[in-house]
Amino acid sequence: MMPLKFTVYTAFALSLTGLALCRKHLVSALLCLEGLMVALFTTLTTISQALATTTTMTQPIILLTLSACEAGVGLSLLVASSRTHASDHMKNLNLLMC
């Protein structure tokens, strides 16, 4: 159980560090967000298996659904910004704000 916790905590920390430090391209930010969601999903899944109650069984499924929605919105934003500005740089996203 200890190597799994270390792996999940390391994946979460690396994804959070990557999101905080490397914000040049939208693709790298989306990959860091997906890494965060996978680490949270793994944590919630192991917690729900350890507790074995019915109320904690739906939390990983809800998180996975929200992660899929976040990926869809992020990819649609990537396609929209690459079509209009011909790049995926994060500084171009300021031009998309109203």
N, C-alpha and C. Protein backbone atom coordinates (compact mmCIF):
# COMPACT_ATOMS: atom_id res chain seq x y z
N MET A 1 0.82 -1.19 0.00
CA MET A 1 0.00 0.00 0.00
C MET A 1 0.87 1.26 0.00
N MET A 2 2.02 1.19 0.60
CA MET A 2 2.88 2.36 0.69
C MET A 2 3.41 2.82 -0.68
N PRO A 3 3.85 1.91 -1.58
CA PRO A 3 4.32 2.38 -2.89
C PRO A 3 3.21 3.05 -3.71
N LEU A 4 1.97 2.59 -3.55
CA LEU A 4 0.86 3.20 -4.27
C LEU A 4 0.62 4.62 -3.78
N LYS A 5 0.66 4.83 -2.48
CA LYS A 5 0.49 6.19 -1.94
C LYS A 5 1.61 7.11 -2.40
N PHE A 6 2.83 6.60 -2.39
CA PHE A 6 3.96 7.41 -2.83
C PHE A 6 3.83 7.78 -4.30
N THR A 7 3.40 6.82 -5.11
CA THR A 7 3.23 7.08 -6.54
C THR A 7 2.14 8.11 -6.81
N VAL A 8 1.03 7.98 -6.11
CA VAL A 8 -0.08 8.91 -6.30
C VAL A 8 0.30 10.31 -5.82
N TYR A 9 0.93 10.40 -4.66
CA TYR A 9 1.35 11.71 -4.14
C TYR A 9 2.39 12.36 -5.05
N THR A 10 3.30 11.55 -5.59
CA THR A 10 4.31 12.09 -6.49
C THR A 10 3.69 12.56 -7.80
N ALA A 11 2.74 11.80 -8.33
CA ALA A 11 2.07 12.20 -9.56
C ALA A 11 1.29 13.49 -9.35
N PHE A 12 0.62 13.62 -8.21
CA PHE A 12 -0.13 14.84 -7.92
C PHE A 12 0.81 16.03 -7.78
N ALA A 13 1.90 15.85 -7.06
CA ALA A 13 2.85 16.94 -6.85
C ALA A 13 3.52 17.36 -8.16
N LEU A 14 3.90 16.39 -8.99
CA LEU A 14 4.52 16.72 -10.27
C LEU A 14 3.54 17.43 -11.21
N SER A 15 2.29 17.00 -11.22
CA SER A 15 1.30 17.65 -12.07
C SER A 15 1.02 19.07 -11.59
N LEU A 16 0.95 19.25 -10.29
CA LEU A 16 0.71 20.59 -9.74
C LEU A 16 1.90 21.51 -10.00
N THR A 17 3.10 20.98 -9.88
CA THR A 17 4.30 21.77 -10.18
C THR A 17 4.37 22.11 -11.66
N GLY A 18 4.05 21.17 -12.51
CA GLY A 18 4.04 21.43 -13.95
C GLY A 18 3.00 22.45 -14.34
N LEU A 19 1.85 22.42 -13.68
CA LEU A 19 0.80 23.40 -13.97
C LEU A 19 1.20 24.78 -13.50
N ALA A 20 1.91 24.85 -12.40
CA ALA A 20 2.31 26.15 -11.86
C ALA A 20 3.49 26.77 -12.61
N LEU A 21 4.41 25.95 -13.06
CA LEU A 21 5.64 26.48 -13.64
C LEU A 21 5.63 26.56 -15.17
N CYS A 22 5.11 25.58 -15.83
CA CYS A 22 5.18 25.52 -17.30
C CYS A 22 3.84 25.86 -17.91
N ARG A 23 3.60 27.15 -18.09
CA ARG A 23 2.32 27.57 -18.64
C ARG A 23 2.48 28.28 -19.98
N LYS A 24 3.32 27.74 -20.84
CA LYS A 24 3.51 28.37 -22.13
C LYS A 24 2.48 27.89 -23.14
N HIS A 25 2.24 26.58 -23.17
CA HIS A 25 1.31 26.01 -24.13
C HIS A 25 0.07 25.48 -23.43
N LEU A 26 -1.04 25.53 -24.13
CA LEU A 26 -2.29 25.03 -23.57
C LEU A 26 -2.28 23.52 -23.43
N VAL A 27 -1.60 22.84 -24.34
CA VAL A 27 -1.54 21.38 -24.29
C VAL A 27 -0.85 20.90 -23.02
N SER A 28 0.24 21.56 -22.62
CA SER A 28 0.93 21.16 -21.40
C SER A 28 0.07 21.41 -20.16
N ALA A 29 -0.69 22.50 -20.17
CA ALA A 29 -1.59 22.77 -19.04
C ALA A 29 -2.69 21.72 -18.96
N LEU A 30 -3.23 21.33 -20.11
CA LEU A 30 -4.27 20.30 -20.12
C LEU A 30 -3.72 18.94 -19.66
N LEU A 31 -2.50 18.62 -20.06
CA LEU A 31 -1.90 17.36 -19.60
C LEU A 31 -1.66 17.37 -18.10
N CYS A 32 -1.26 18.50 -17.56
CA CYS A 32 -1.07 18.60 -16.10
C CYS A 32 -2.40 18.46 -15.37
N LEU A 33 -3.45 19.07 -15.91
CA LEU A 33 -4.78 18.91 -15.30
C LEU A 33 -5.25 17.46 -15.34
N GLU A 34 -4.96 16.77 -16.43
CA GLU A 34 -5.34 15.36 -16.52
C GLU A 34 -4.54 14.51 -15.53
N GLY A 35 -3.27 14.86 -15.33
CA GLY A 35 -2.48 14.16 -14.31
C GLY A 35 -3.04 14.36 -12.91
N LEU A 36 -3.49 15.58 -12.62
CA LEU A 36 -4.13 15.84 -11.33
C LEU A 36 -5.40 15.01 -11.17
N MET A 37 -6.20 14.95 -12.22
CA MET A 37 -7.45 14.19 -12.13
C MET A 37 -7.20 12.69 -11.98
N VAL A 38 -6.20 12.18 -12.65
CA VAL A 38 -5.89 10.74 -12.52
C VAL A 38 -5.40 10.43 -11.11
N ALA A 39 -4.58 11.31 -10.54
CA ALA A 39 -4.10 11.09 -9.17
C ALA A 39 -5.26 11.15 -8.18
N LEU A 40 -6.16 12.11 -8.35
CA LEU A 40 -7.33 12.19 -7.47
C LEU A 40 -8.25 10.98 -7.65
N PHE A 41 -8.42 10.53 -8.88
CA PHE A 41 -9.25 9.35 -9.12
C PHE A 41 -8.66 8.11 -8.45
N THR A 42 -7.35 7.94 -8.55
CA THR A 42 -6.70 6.79 -7.92
C THR A 42 -6.83 6.86 -6.40
N THR A 43 -6.68 8.06 -5.85
CA THR A 43 -6.83 8.22 -4.40
C THR A 43 -8.25 7.90 -3.95
N LEU A 44 -9.24 8.45 -4.65
CA LEU A 44 -10.63 8.17 -4.27
C LEU A 44 -10.98 6.70 -4.45
N THR A 45 -10.44 6.07 -5.45
CA THR A 45 -10.72 4.65 -5.66
C THR A 45 -10.14 3.79 -4.54
N THR A 46 -8.91 4.08 -4.13
CA THR A 46 -8.31 3.29 -3.04
C THR A 46 -9.02 3.56 -1.71
N ILE A 47 -9.46 4.79 -1.50
CA ILE A 47 -10.19 5.10 -0.27
C ILE A 47 -11.54 4.38 -0.25
N SER A 48 -12.23 4.38 -1.40
CA SER A 48 -13.53 3.71 -1.43
C SER A 48 -13.40 2.20 -1.30
N GLN A 49 -12.30 1.63 -1.78
CA GLN A 49 -12.09 0.19 -1.58
C GLN A 49 -11.75 -0.12 -0.13
N ALA A 50 -11.03 0.78 0.53
CA ALA A 50 -10.67 0.54 1.93
C ALA A 50 -11.87 0.68 2.84
N LEU A 51 -12.73 1.66 2.57
CA LEU A 51 -13.89 1.88 3.44
C LEU A 51 -15.04 0.93 3.13
N ALA A 52 -15.23 0.62 1.86
CA ALA A 52 -16.26 -0.34 1.41
C ALA A 52 -17.66 0.06 1.86
N THR A 53 -17.98 1.35 1.76
CA THR A 53 -19.34 1.80 2.01
C THR A 53 -19.96 2.24 0.68
N THR A 54 -21.27 2.23 0.63
CA THR A 54 -21.95 2.54 -0.63
C THR A 54 -21.91 4.03 -0.95
N THR A 55 -21.73 4.87 0.05
CA THR A 55 -21.72 6.31 -0.23
C THR A 55 -20.41 6.75 -0.88
N THR A 56 -19.32 6.03 -0.64
CA THR A 56 -18.04 6.42 -1.23
C THR A 56 -17.80 5.76 -2.58
N MET A 57 -18.65 4.86 -3.01
CA MET A 57 -18.44 4.18 -4.29
C MET A 57 -18.76 5.07 -5.48
N THR A 58 -19.63 6.06 -5.33
CA THR A 58 -20.01 6.90 -6.46
C THR A 58 -19.05 8.08 -6.68
N GLN A 59 -18.25 8.41 -5.70
CA GLN A 59 -17.36 9.56 -5.83
C GLN A 59 -16.33 9.40 -6.95
N PRO A 60 -15.65 8.26 -7.10
CA PRO A 60 -14.72 8.14 -8.23
C PRO A 60 -15.39 8.23 -9.59
N ILE A 61 -16.60 7.73 -9.70
CA ILE A 61 -17.32 7.78 -10.97
C ILE A 61 -17.70 9.21 -11.31
N ILE A 62 -18.12 9.97 -10.31
CA ILE A 62 -18.45 11.38 -10.54
C ILE A 62 -17.21 12.16 -10.92
N LEU A 63 -16.09 11.90 -10.26
CA LEU A 63 -14.84 12.58 -10.59
C LEU A 63 -14.38 12.23 -12.00
N LEU A 64 -14.53 10.98 -12.41
CA LEU A 64 -14.15 10.57 -13.75
C LEU A 64 -15.03 11.24 -14.80
N THR A 65 -16.31 11.41 -14.50
CA THR A 65 -17.22 12.10 -15.40
C THR A 65 -16.84 13.57 -15.54
N LEU A 66 -16.53 14.22 -14.43
CA LEU A 66 -16.11 15.62 -14.48
C LEU A 66 -14.77 15.78 -15.20
N SER A 67 -13.90 14.81 -15.05
CA SER A 67 -12.62 14.84 -15.75
C SER A 67 -12.82 14.72 -17.26
N ALA A 68 -13.74 13.89 -17.69
CA ALA A 68 -14.02 13.76 -19.11
C ALA A 68 -14.62 15.04 -19.68
N CYS A 69 -15.49 15.68 -18.90
CA CYS A 69 -16.07 16.96 -19.33
C CYS A 69 -14.99 18.04 -19.41
N GLU A 70 -14.08 18.06 -18.45
CA GLU A 70 -12.99 19.03 -18.46
C GLU A 70 -12.08 18.81 -19.66
N ALA A 71 -11.82 17.57 -20.01
CA ALA A 71 -10.99 17.28 -21.17
C ALA A 71 -11.68 17.71 -22.46
N GLY A 72 -12.97 17.51 -22.54
CA GLY A 72 -13.70 17.94 -23.73
C GLY A 72 -13.71 19.44 -23.90
N VAL A 73 -13.93 20.16 -22.82
CA VAL A 73 -13.92 21.62 -22.88
C VAL A 73 -12.52 22.14 -23.20
N GLY A 74 -11.51 21.54 -22.60
CA GLY A 74 -10.14 21.96 -22.87
C GLY A 74 -9.73 21.72 -24.31
N LEU A 75 -10.11 20.58 -24.87
CA LEU A 75 -9.76 20.31 -26.26
C LEU A 75 -10.55 21.20 -27.22
N SER A 76 -11.78 21.51 -26.89
CA SER A 76 -12.53 22.43 -27.76
C SER A 76 -11.94 23.83 -27.70
N LEU A 77 -11.45 24.26 -26.54
CA LEU A 77 -10.76 25.54 -26.44
C LEU A 77 -9.46 25.53 -27.22
N LEU A 78 -8.76 24.40 -27.19
CA LEU A 78 -7.53 24.26 -27.96
C LEU A 78 -7.81 24.36 -29.45
N VAL A 79 -8.84 23.69 -29.93
CA VAL A 79 -9.18 23.75 -31.35
C VAL A 79 -9.61 25.15 -31.75
N ALA A 80 -10.40 25.81 -30.90
CA ALA A 80 -10.86 27.16 -31.22
C ALA A 80 -9.71 28.15 -31.27
N SER A 81 -8.79 28.05 -30.32
CA SER A 81 -7.66 28.99 -30.32
C SER A 81 -6.68 28.69 -31.43
N SER A 82 -6.51 27.43 -31.79
CA SER A 82 -5.58 27.12 -32.88
C SER A 82 -6.17 27.49 -34.24
N ARG A 83 -7.48 27.45 -34.38
CA ARG A 83 -8.09 27.88 -35.64
C ARG A 83 -8.05 29.39 -35.81
N THR A 84 -8.28 30.11 -34.73
CA THR A 84 -8.34 31.57 -34.87
C THR A 84 -6.98 32.23 -34.80
N HIS A 85 -6.07 31.73 -33.97
CA HIS A 85 -4.78 32.38 -33.76
C HIS A 85 -3.59 31.57 -34.27
N ALA A 86 -3.82 30.38 -34.77
CA ALA A 86 -2.81 29.51 -35.36
C ALA A 86 -1.71 29.10 -34.37
N SER A 87 -2.00 29.12 -33.07
CA SER A 87 -1.05 28.61 -32.08
C SER A 87 -1.81 28.24 -30.82
N ASP A 88 -1.11 27.54 -29.91
CA ASP A 88 -1.74 27.15 -28.66
C ASP A 88 -1.06 27.81 -27.46
N HIS A 89 -0.43 28.95 -27.68
CA HIS A 89 0.22 29.65 -26.59
C HIS A 89 -0.83 30.21 -25.62
N MET A 90 -0.50 30.17 -24.34
CA MET A 90 -1.44 30.63 -23.32
C MET A 90 -1.66 32.14 -23.38
N LYS A 91 -0.70 32.88 -23.89
CA LYS A 91 -0.88 34.34 -23.96
C LYS A 91 -1.94 34.72 -24.97
N ASN A 92 -2.22 33.86 -25.94
CA ASN A 92 -3.28 34.14 -26.91
C ASN A 92 -4.66 33.98 -26.31
N LEU A 93 -4.77 33.26 -25.21
CA LEU A 93 -6.08 33.06 -24.59
C LEU A 93 -6.62 34.34 -23.97
N ASN A 94 -5.78 35.29 -23.67
CA ASN A 94 -6.26 36.58 -23.17
C ASN A 94 -7.03 37.33 -24.23
N LEU A 95 -6.76 37.05 -25.49
CA LEU A 95 -7.48 37.69 -26.59
C LEU A 95 -8.90 37.13 -26.74
N LEU A 96 -9.14 35.94 -26.21
CA LEU A 96 -10.44 35.32 -26.34
C LEU A 96 -11.44 35.79 -25.30
N MET A 97 -10.97 36.51 -24.28
CA MET A 97 -11.88 36.95 -23.23
C MET A 97 -12.76 38.09 -23.74
N CYS A 98 -13.96 38.18 -23.21
CA CYS A 98 -14.89 39.25 -23.61
C CYS A 98 -14.59 40.53 -22.85
